[in-house]
């Protein structure tokens, strides 16, 4: 079967571009220490990276609807104070971005992370110049669902032919959001999701390493 060709490459951020777990986990710990919540092992925090915070705090920490806004606000304050830069870009990703741009591809970030954080971190890593647009959720999570973020980035970038667009992500939420937005998804295994999760979500291809992304897209 002929390999699909994509011109517009969207990237998830957490678990795809960078390992942001340390800062996020520390901030989750702070929320539980401050506000309580269901007692779950820290090893389960992986499952909370990817979905919007409201979903994670509801499903994993067991917060009620009347508690979620305060939990998100508490998380944001601590994350900005101490967690934002506790992260590292995955080795090889800069080469991926450079090679794709040299091949004439247009690159975008589409993350459920607040856009302001994503822009700061991409600048911190020194890779913002590879990207035509860096988009994410709004700070109040009114635009946090992955399909909404994808639609927002495509619209803001003037991309009309969705058949030539694909998102690279590590969780089922990326695949589900892609399907709802009408584009394809390529999964990666160096983030927070599993191969079974990605296959069950219906990704087009799976990359074991950053270098595999290039084998799929070029």
C-alpha atoms as a PDB file:
ATOM      1  CA  UNK A   1       0.000   0.000   0.000  1.00  0.00           C
ATOM      2  CA  UNK A   2       1.345   3.417  -0.959  1.00  0.00           C
ATOM      3  CA  UNK A   3       2.539   5.481   1.988  1.00  0.00           C
ATOM      4  CA  UNK A   4       0.508   8.618   2.612  1.00  0.00           C
ATOM      5  CA  UNK A   5       2.209  11.945   2.040  1.00  0.00           C
ATOM      6  CA  UNK A   6       1.699  14.771   4.498  1.00  0.00           C
ATOM      7  CA  UNK A   7       2.683  18.412   4.102  1.00  0.00           C
ATOM      8  CA  UNK A   8       1.342  19.749   7.408  1.00  0.00           C
ATOM      9  CA  UNK A   9       2.827  18.064  10.481  1.00  0.00           C
ATOM     10  CA  UNK A  10       1.318  18.827  13.886  1.00  0.00           C
ATOM     11  CA  UNK A  11       3.130  17.762  17.043  1.00  0.00           C
ATOM     12  CA  UNK A  12       1.724  17.127  20.490  1.00  0.00           C
ATOM     13  CA  UNK A  13       4.033  18.500  23.188  1.00  0.00           C
ATOM     14  CA  UNK A  14       3.989  16.519  26.462  1.00  0.00           C
ATOM     15  CA  UNK A  15       5.376  13.055  25.769  1.00  0.00           C
ATOM     16  CA  UNK A  16       6.055  13.786  22.101  1.00  0.00           C
ATOM     17  CA  UNK A  17       8.405  16.758  21.911  1.00  0.00           C
ATOM     18  CA  UNK A  18       9.510  16.704  25.532  1.00  0.00           C
ATOM     19  CA  UNK A  19       9.497  14.654  28.712  1.00  0.00           C
ATOM     20  CA  UNK A  20       7.690  17.044  31.017  1.00  0.00           C
ATOM     21  CA  UNK A  21       6.860  14.486  33.684  1.00  0.00           C
ATOM     22  CA  UNK A  22       9.010  15.799  36.550  1.00  0.00           C
ATOM     23  CA  UNK A  23       7.436  19.254  36.697  1.00  0.00           C
ATOM     24  CA  UNK A  24       3.927  17.949  36.076  1.00  0.00           C
ATOM     25  CA  UNK A  25       4.198  15.154  38.656  1.00  0.00           C
ATOM     26  CA  UNK A  26       5.575  17.540  41.282  1.00  0.00           C
ATOM     27  CA  UNK A  27       2.653  19.881  40.616  1.00  0.00           C
ATOM     28  CA  UNK A  28       0.162  16.999  40.882  1.00  0.00           C
ATOM     29  CA  UNK A  29       1.719  16.123  44.232  1.00  0.00           C
ATOM     30  CA  UNK A  30       1.266  19.721  45.354  1.00  0.00           C
ATOM     31  CA  UNK A  31      -2.429  19.672  44.416  1.00  0.00           C
ATOM     32  CA  UNK A  32      -3.012  16.484  46.400  1.00  0.00           C
ATOM     33  CA  UNK A  33      -1.043  17.805  49.371  1.00  0.00           C
ATOM     34  CA  UNK A  34      -2.981  21.070  49.300  1.00  0.00           C
ATOM     35  CA  UNK A  35      -6.489  19.941  48.370  1.00  0.00           C
ATOM     36  CA  UNK A  36      -6.595  16.219  49.078  1.00  0.00           C
ATOM     37  CA  UNK A  37      -8.106  13.896  46.513  1.00  0.00           C
ATOM     38  CA  UNK A  38      -8.014  10.182  45.830  1.00  0.00           C
ATOM     39  CA  UNK A  39      -4.828   8.425  46.958  1.00  0.00           C
ATOM     40  CA  UNK A  40      -3.263   7.023  43.783  1.00  0.00           C
ATOM     41  CA  UNK A  41       0.345   5.910  43.245  1.00  0.00           C
ATOM     42  CA  UNK A  42       2.664   8.391  41.544  1.00  0.00           C
ATOM     43  CA  UNK A  43       3.302   5.756  38.877  1.00  0.00           C
ATOM     44  CA  UNK A  44      -0.277   6.311  37.689  1.00  0.00           C
ATOM     45  CA  UNK A  45       0.399   9.976  36.975  1.00  0.00           C
ATOM     46  CA  UNK A  46       1.539   8.982  33.456  1.00  0.00           C
ATOM     47  CA  UNK A  47      -2.110   8.441  32.586  1.00  0.00           C
ATOM     48  CA  UNK A  48      -2.890  12.026  33.578  1.00  0.00           C
ATOM     49  CA  UNK A  49      -0.515  13.547  31.028  1.00  0.00           C
ATOM     50  CA  UNK A  50      -2.286  14.208  27.753  1.00  0.00           C
ATOM     51  CA  UNK A  51      -5.921  14.769  28.706  1.00  0.00           C
ATOM     52  CA  UNK A  52      -7.141  18.194  29.870  1.00  0.00           C
ATOM     53  CA  UNK A  53      -6.513  18.824  33.576  1.00  0.00           C
ATOM     54  CA  UNK A  54     -10.234  18.936  34.347  1.00  0.00           C
ATOM     55  CA  UNK A  55     -10.612  15.365  33.050  1.00  0.00           C
ATOM     56  CA  UNK A  56      -7.580  14.096  34.972  1.00  0.00           C
ATOM     57  CA  UNK A  57      -8.566  15.728  38.241  1.00  0.00           C
ATOM     58  CA  UNK A  58     -12.093  14.344  37.911  1.00  0.00           C
ATOM     59  CA  UNK A  59     -11.203  10.811  36.802  1.00  0.00           C
ATOM     60  CA  UNK A  60      -8.024  10.166  38.765  1.00  0.00           C
ATOM     61  CA  UNK A  61      -8.082  12.423  41.826  1.00  0.00           C
ATOM     62  CA  UNK A  62     -11.846  12.141  42.195  1.00  0.00           C
ATOM     63  CA  UNK A  63     -12.526  15.859  42.520  1.00  0.00           C
ATOM     64  CA  UNK A  64     -16.137  16.963  42.193  1.00  0.00           C
ATOM     65  CA  UNK A  65     -17.240  19.514  39.624  1.00  0.00           C
ATOM     66  CA  UNK A  66     -17.271  22.236  42.279  1.00  0.00           C
ATOM     67  CA  UNK A  67     -13.619  21.482  43.162  1.00  0.00           C
ATOM     68  CA  UNK A  68     -12.058  21.251  39.716  1.00  0.00           C
ATOM     69  CA  UNK A  69     -11.656  24.960  39.002  1.00  0.00           C
ATOM     70  CA  UNK A  70      -9.798  25.477  42.270  1.00  0.00           C
ATOM     71  CA  UNK A  71      -7.643  22.393  41.612  1.00  0.00           C
ATOM     72  CA  UNK A  72      -6.660  23.676  38.179  1.00  0.00           C
ATOM     73  CA  UNK A  73      -5.844  27.113  39.581  1.00  0.00           C
ATOM     74  CA  UNK A  74      -3.724  25.560  42.350  1.00  0.00           C
ATOM     75  CA  UNK A  75      -1.894  23.383  39.827  1.00  0.00           C
ATOM     76  CA  UNK A  76      -1.195  26.313  37.486  1.00  0.00           C
ATOM     77  CA  UNK A  77       0.283  28.488  40.230  1.00  0.00           C
ATOM     78  CA  UNK A  78       2.644  25.730  41.384  1.00  0.00           C
ATOM     79  CA  UNK A  79       3.551  24.642  37.849  1.00  0.00           C
ATOM     80  CA  UNK A  80       4.454  28.182  36.828  1.00  0.00           C
ATOM     81  CA  UNK A  81       6.389  28.699  40.064  1.00  0.00           C
ATOM     82  CA  UNK A  82       8.449  25.534  40.081  1.00  0.00           C
ATOM     83  CA  UNK A  83       7.498  23.000  37.428  1.00  0.00           C
ATOM     84  CA  UNK A  84       7.527  24.598  33.982  1.00  0.00           C
ATOM     85  CA  UNK A  85      11.197  24.182  33.158  1.00  0.00           C
ATOM     86  CA  UNK A  86      11.610  20.791  34.865  1.00  0.00           C
ATOM     87  CA  UNK A  87      11.596  19.061  31.506  1.00  0.00           C
ATOM     88  CA  UNK A  88      13.841  18.007  28.649  1.00  0.00           C
ATOM     89  CA  UNK A  89      13.333  17.701  24.926  1.00  0.00           C
ATOM     90  CA  UNK A  90      13.676  14.137  23.684  1.00  0.00           C
ATOM     91  CA  UNK A  91      17.035  13.425  22.092  1.00  0.00           C
ATOM     92  CA  UNK A  92      16.780  13.539  18.314  1.00  0.00           C
ATOM     93  CA  UNK A  93      13.687  15.725  18.088  1.00  0.00           C
ATOM     94  CA  UNK A  94      15.607  18.807  16.926  1.00  0.00           C
ATOM     95  CA  UNK A  95      16.985  16.745  14.038  1.00  0.00           C
ATOM     96  CA  UNK A  96      13.438  15.615  13.224  1.00  0.00           C
ATOM     97  CA  UNK A  97      12.224  19.204  13.029  1.00  0.00           C
ATOM     98  CA  UNK A  98      15.205  20.321  10.963  1.00  0.00           C
ATOM     99  CA  UNK A  99      14.903  17.445   8.487  1.00  0.00           C
ATOM    100  CA  UNK A 100      11.167  17.920   8.021  1.00  0.00           C
ATOM    101  CA  UNK A 101      11.595  21.649   7.383  1.00  0.00           C
ATOM    102  CA  UNK A 102      14.401  20.979   4.914  1.00  0.00           C
ATOM    103  CA  UNK A 103      12.021  18.627   3.109  1.00  0.00           C
ATOM    104  CA  UNK A 104       9.523  21.476   2.760  1.00  0.00           C
ATOM    105  CA  UNK A 105       7.062  20.375   5.434  1.00  0.00           C
ATOM    106  CA  UNK A 106       5.138  22.921   7.521  1.00  0.00           C
ATOM    107  CA  UNK A 107       5.340  22.224  11.251  1.00  0.00           C
ATOM    108  CA  UNK A 108       2.919  23.108  14.039  1.00  0.00           C
ATOM    109  CA  UNK A 109       2.441  22.409  17.737  1.00  0.00           C
ATOM    110  CA  UNK A 110      -1.055  21.354  18.842  1.00  0.00           C
ATOM    111  CA  UNK A 111      -1.115  20.639  22.569  1.00  0.00           C
ATOM    112  CA  UNK A 112      -3.670  20.560  25.363  1.00  0.00           C
ATOM    113  CA  UNK A 113      -0.998  22.338  27.415  1.00  0.00           C
ATOM    114  CA  UNK A 114      -1.732  26.068  27.699  1.00  0.00           C
ATOM    115  CA  UNK A 115      -0.376  27.832  24.634  1.00  0.00           C
ATOM    116  CA  UNK A 116       1.573  30.318  26.724  1.00  0.00           C
ATOM    117  CA  UNK A 117       3.529  27.460  28.342  1.00  0.00           C
ATOM    118  CA  UNK A 118       4.162  25.680  25.049  1.00  0.00           C
ATOM    119  CA  UNK A 119       5.529  28.851  23.464  1.00  0.00           C
ATOM    120  CA  UNK A 120       7.854  29.498  26.420  1.00  0.00           C
ATOM    121  CA  UNK A 121       9.206  25.947  26.348  1.00  0.00           C
ATOM    122  CA  UNK A 122       9.710  25.819  22.588  1.00  0.00           C
ATOM    123  CA  UNK A 123      11.720  29.046  22.876  1.00  0.00           C
ATOM    124  CA  UNK A 124      13.605  27.566  25.845  1.00  0.00           C
ATOM    125  CA  UNK A 125      14.569  24.551  23.722  1.00  0.00           C
ATOM    126  CA  UNK A 126      15.591  26.804  20.832  1.00  0.00           C
ATOM    127  CA  UNK A 127      13.280  25.190  18.263  1.00  0.00           C
ATOM    128  CA  UNK A 128      10.492  27.755  17.809  1.00  0.00           C
ATOM    129  CA  UNK A 129      11.892  28.853  14.443  1.00  0.00           C
ATOM    130  CA  UNK A 130      11.087  25.477  12.886  1.00  0.00           C
ATOM    131  CA  UNK A 131       7.363  25.985  13.495  1.00  0.00           C
ATOM    132  CA  UNK A 132       4.795  27.958  11.545  1.00  0.00           C
ATOM    133  CA  UNK A 133       2.435  28.048  14.527  1.00  0.00           C
ATOM    134  CA  UNK A 134       2.585  26.961  18.175  1.00  0.00           C
ATOM    135  CA  UNK A 135      -0.932  26.418  19.484  1.00  0.00           C
ATOM    136  CA  UNK A 136      -2.438  25.019  22.657  1.00  0.00           C
ATOM    137  CA  UNK A 137      -5.284  25.333  25.091  1.00  0.00           C
ATOM    138  CA  UNK A 138      -6.293  28.596  26.678  1.00  0.00           C
ATOM    139  CA  UNK A 139      -5.345  29.046  30.322  1.00  0.00           C
ATOM    140  CA  UNK A 140      -8.941  28.529  31.481  1.00  0.00           C
ATOM    141  CA  UNK A 141      -9.260  25.242  29.520  1.00  0.00           C
ATOM    142  CA  UNK A 142     -12.213  26.442  27.471  1.00  0.00           C
ATOM    143  CA  UNK A 143     -10.225  25.143  24.502  1.00  0.00           C
ATOM    144  CA  UNK A 144      -8.587  22.024  25.909  1.00  0.00           C
ATOM    145  CA  UNK A 145     -10.112  19.042  24.106  1.00  0.00           C
ATOM    146  CA  UNK A 146      -7.563  17.767  21.582  1.00  0.00           C
ATOM    147  CA  UNK A 147      -9.886  18.017  18.585  1.00  0.00           C
ATOM    148  CA  UNK A 148     -10.598  21.649  19.479  1.00  0.00           C
ATOM    149  CA  UNK A 149      -6.893  22.439  19.691  1.00  0.00           C
ATOM    150  CA  UNK A 150      -6.215  20.735  16.353  1.00  0.00           C
ATOM    151  CA  UNK A 151      -9.062  22.629  14.655  1.00  0.00           C
ATOM    152  CA  UNK A 152      -7.815  25.868  16.206  1.00  0.00           C
ATOM    153  CA  UNK A 153      -4.246  25.365  14.945  1.00  0.00           C
ATOM    154  CA  UNK A 154      -5.357  24.389  11.438  1.00  0.00           C
ATOM    155  CA  UNK A 155      -7.708  27.368  11.242  1.00  0.00           C
ATOM    156  CA  UNK A 156      -5.160  29.849  12.621  1.00  0.00           C
ATOM    157  CA  UNK A 157      -2.600  28.541  10.125  1.00  0.00           C
ATOM    158  CA  UNK A 158      -4.907  28.653   7.116  1.00  0.00           C
ATOM    159  CA  UNK A 159      -4.648  24.908   6.439  1.00  0.00           C
ATOM    160  CA  UNK A 160      -7.701  23.828   4.439  1.00  0.00           C
ATOM    161  CA  UNK A 161      -6.718  20.434   2.985  1.00  0.00           C
ATOM    162  CA  UNK A 162      -6.935  18.116   5.993  1.00  0.00           C
ATOM    163  CA  UNK A 163      -5.973  15.098   3.901  1.00  0.00           C
ATOM    164  CA  UNK A 164      -2.417  16.453   3.883  1.00  0.00           C
ATOM    165  CA  UNK A 165      -2.303  17.012   7.659  1.00  0.00           C
ATOM    166  CA  UNK A 166      -1.238  14.623  10.428  1.00  0.00           C
ATOM    167  CA  UNK A 167      -0.571  14.914  14.141  1.00  0.00           C
ATOM    168  CA  UNK A 168       2.266  13.105  15.901  1.00  0.00           C
ATOM    169  CA  UNK A 169       1.339  12.161  19.465  1.00  0.00           C
ATOM    170  CA  UNK A 170       1.866   9.671  22.267  1.00  0.00           C
ATOM    171  CA  UNK A 171      -1.611   9.138  23.731  1.00  0.00           C
ATOM    172  CA  UNK A 172      -5.014   7.869  22.648  1.00  0.00           C
ATOM    173  CA  UNK A 173      -6.319  11.409  23.155  1.00  0.00           C
ATOM    174  CA  UNK A 174      -4.155  12.535  20.238  1.00  0.00           C
ATOM    175  CA  UNK A 175      -5.578   9.802  18.009  1.00  0.00           C
ATOM    176  CA  UNK A 176      -9.154  10.437  19.110  1.00  0.00           C
ATOM    177  CA  UNK A 177      -8.756  14.174  18.664  1.00  0.00           C
ATOM    178  CA  UNK A 178      -7.272  13.665  15.209  1.00  0.00           C
ATOM    179  CA  UNK A 179     -10.179  11.474  14.160  1.00  0.00           C
ATOM    180  CA  UNK A 180     -12.727  14.008  15.429  1.00  0.00           C
ATOM    181  CA  UNK A 181     -10.871  16.816  13.622  1.00  0.00           C
ATOM    182  CA  UNK A 182     -10.645  14.833  10.381  1.00  0.00           C
ATOM    183  CA  UNK A 183      -6.890  14.242  10.182  1.00  0.00           C
ATOM    184  CA  UNK A 184      -4.565  11.251  10.649  1.00  0.00           C
ATOM    185  CA  UNK A 185      -2.389  10.445  13.663  1.00  0.00           C
ATOM    186  CA  UNK A 186       1.052   8.879  13.995  1.00  0.00           C
ATOM    187  CA  UNK A 187       1.820   7.467  17.439  1.00  0.00           C
ATOM    188  CA  UNK A 188       5.142   7.505  19.268  1.00  0.00           C
ATOM    189  CA  UNK A 189       6.292   5.052  21.935  1.00  0.00           C
ATOM    190  CA  UNK A 190       8.890   7.182  23.722  1.00  0.00           C
ATOM    191  CA  UNK A 191       6.231   9.218  25.533  1.00  0.00           C
ATOM    192  CA  UNK A 192       3.559   8.277  28.060  1.00  0.00           C
ATOM    193  CA  UNK A 193       1.298   5.949  26.058  1.00  0.00           C
ATOM    194  CA  UNK A 194       1.611   2.268  25.167  1.00  0.00           C
ATOM    195  CA  UNK A 195       1.633   0.440  21.857  1.00  0.00           C
ATOM    196  CA  UNK A 196      -1.679  -1.261  22.694  1.00  0.00           C
ATOM    197  CA  UNK A 197      -3.269   2.083  23.566  1.00  0.00           C
ATOM    198  CA  UNK A 198      -2.158   3.656  20.287  1.00  0.00           C
ATOM    199  CA  UNK A 199      -3.131   0.687  18.122  1.00  0.00           C
ATOM    200  CA  UNK A 200      -6.548   0.466  19.724  1.00  0.00           C
ATOM    201  CA  UNK A 201      -7.008   4.186  19.080  1.00  0.00           C
ATOM    202  CA  UNK A 202      -6.396   3.635  15.361  1.00  0.00           C
ATOM    203  CA  UNK A 203      -3.159   5.470  14.614  1.00  0.00           C
ATOM    204  CA  UNK A 204      -1.813   5.225  11.065  1.00  0.00           C
ATOM    205  CA  UNK A 205       1.732   4.240  12.057  1.00  0.00           C
ATOM    206  CA  UNK A 206       3.793   3.933  15.232  1.00  0.00           C
ATOM    207  CA  UNK A 207       7.314   5.335  15.715  1.00  0.00           C
ATOM    208  CA  UNK A 208       9.539   3.641  18.269  1.00  0.00           C
ATOM    209  CA  UNK A 209      12.086   6.486  18.237  1.00  0.00           C
ATOM    210  CA  UNK A 210      12.265  10.083  16.975  1.00  0.00           C
ATOM    211  CA  UNK A 211      14.275   8.866  13.973  1.00  0.00           C
ATOM    212  CA  UNK A 212      11.359   6.594  13.039  1.00  0.00           C
ATOM    213  CA  UNK A 213       9.165   9.677  12.628  1.00  0.00           C
ATOM    214  CA  UNK A 214      11.318  10.685   9.666  1.00  0.00           C
ATOM    215  CA  UNK A 215      11.118   7.191   8.167  1.00  0.00           C
ATOM    216  CA  UNK A 216       7.338   7.464   8.255  1.00  0.00           C
ATOM    217  CA  UNK A 217       6.984  11.045   7.057  1.00  0.00           C
ATOM    218  CA  UNK A 218       9.740  11.322   4.443  1.00  0.00           C
END
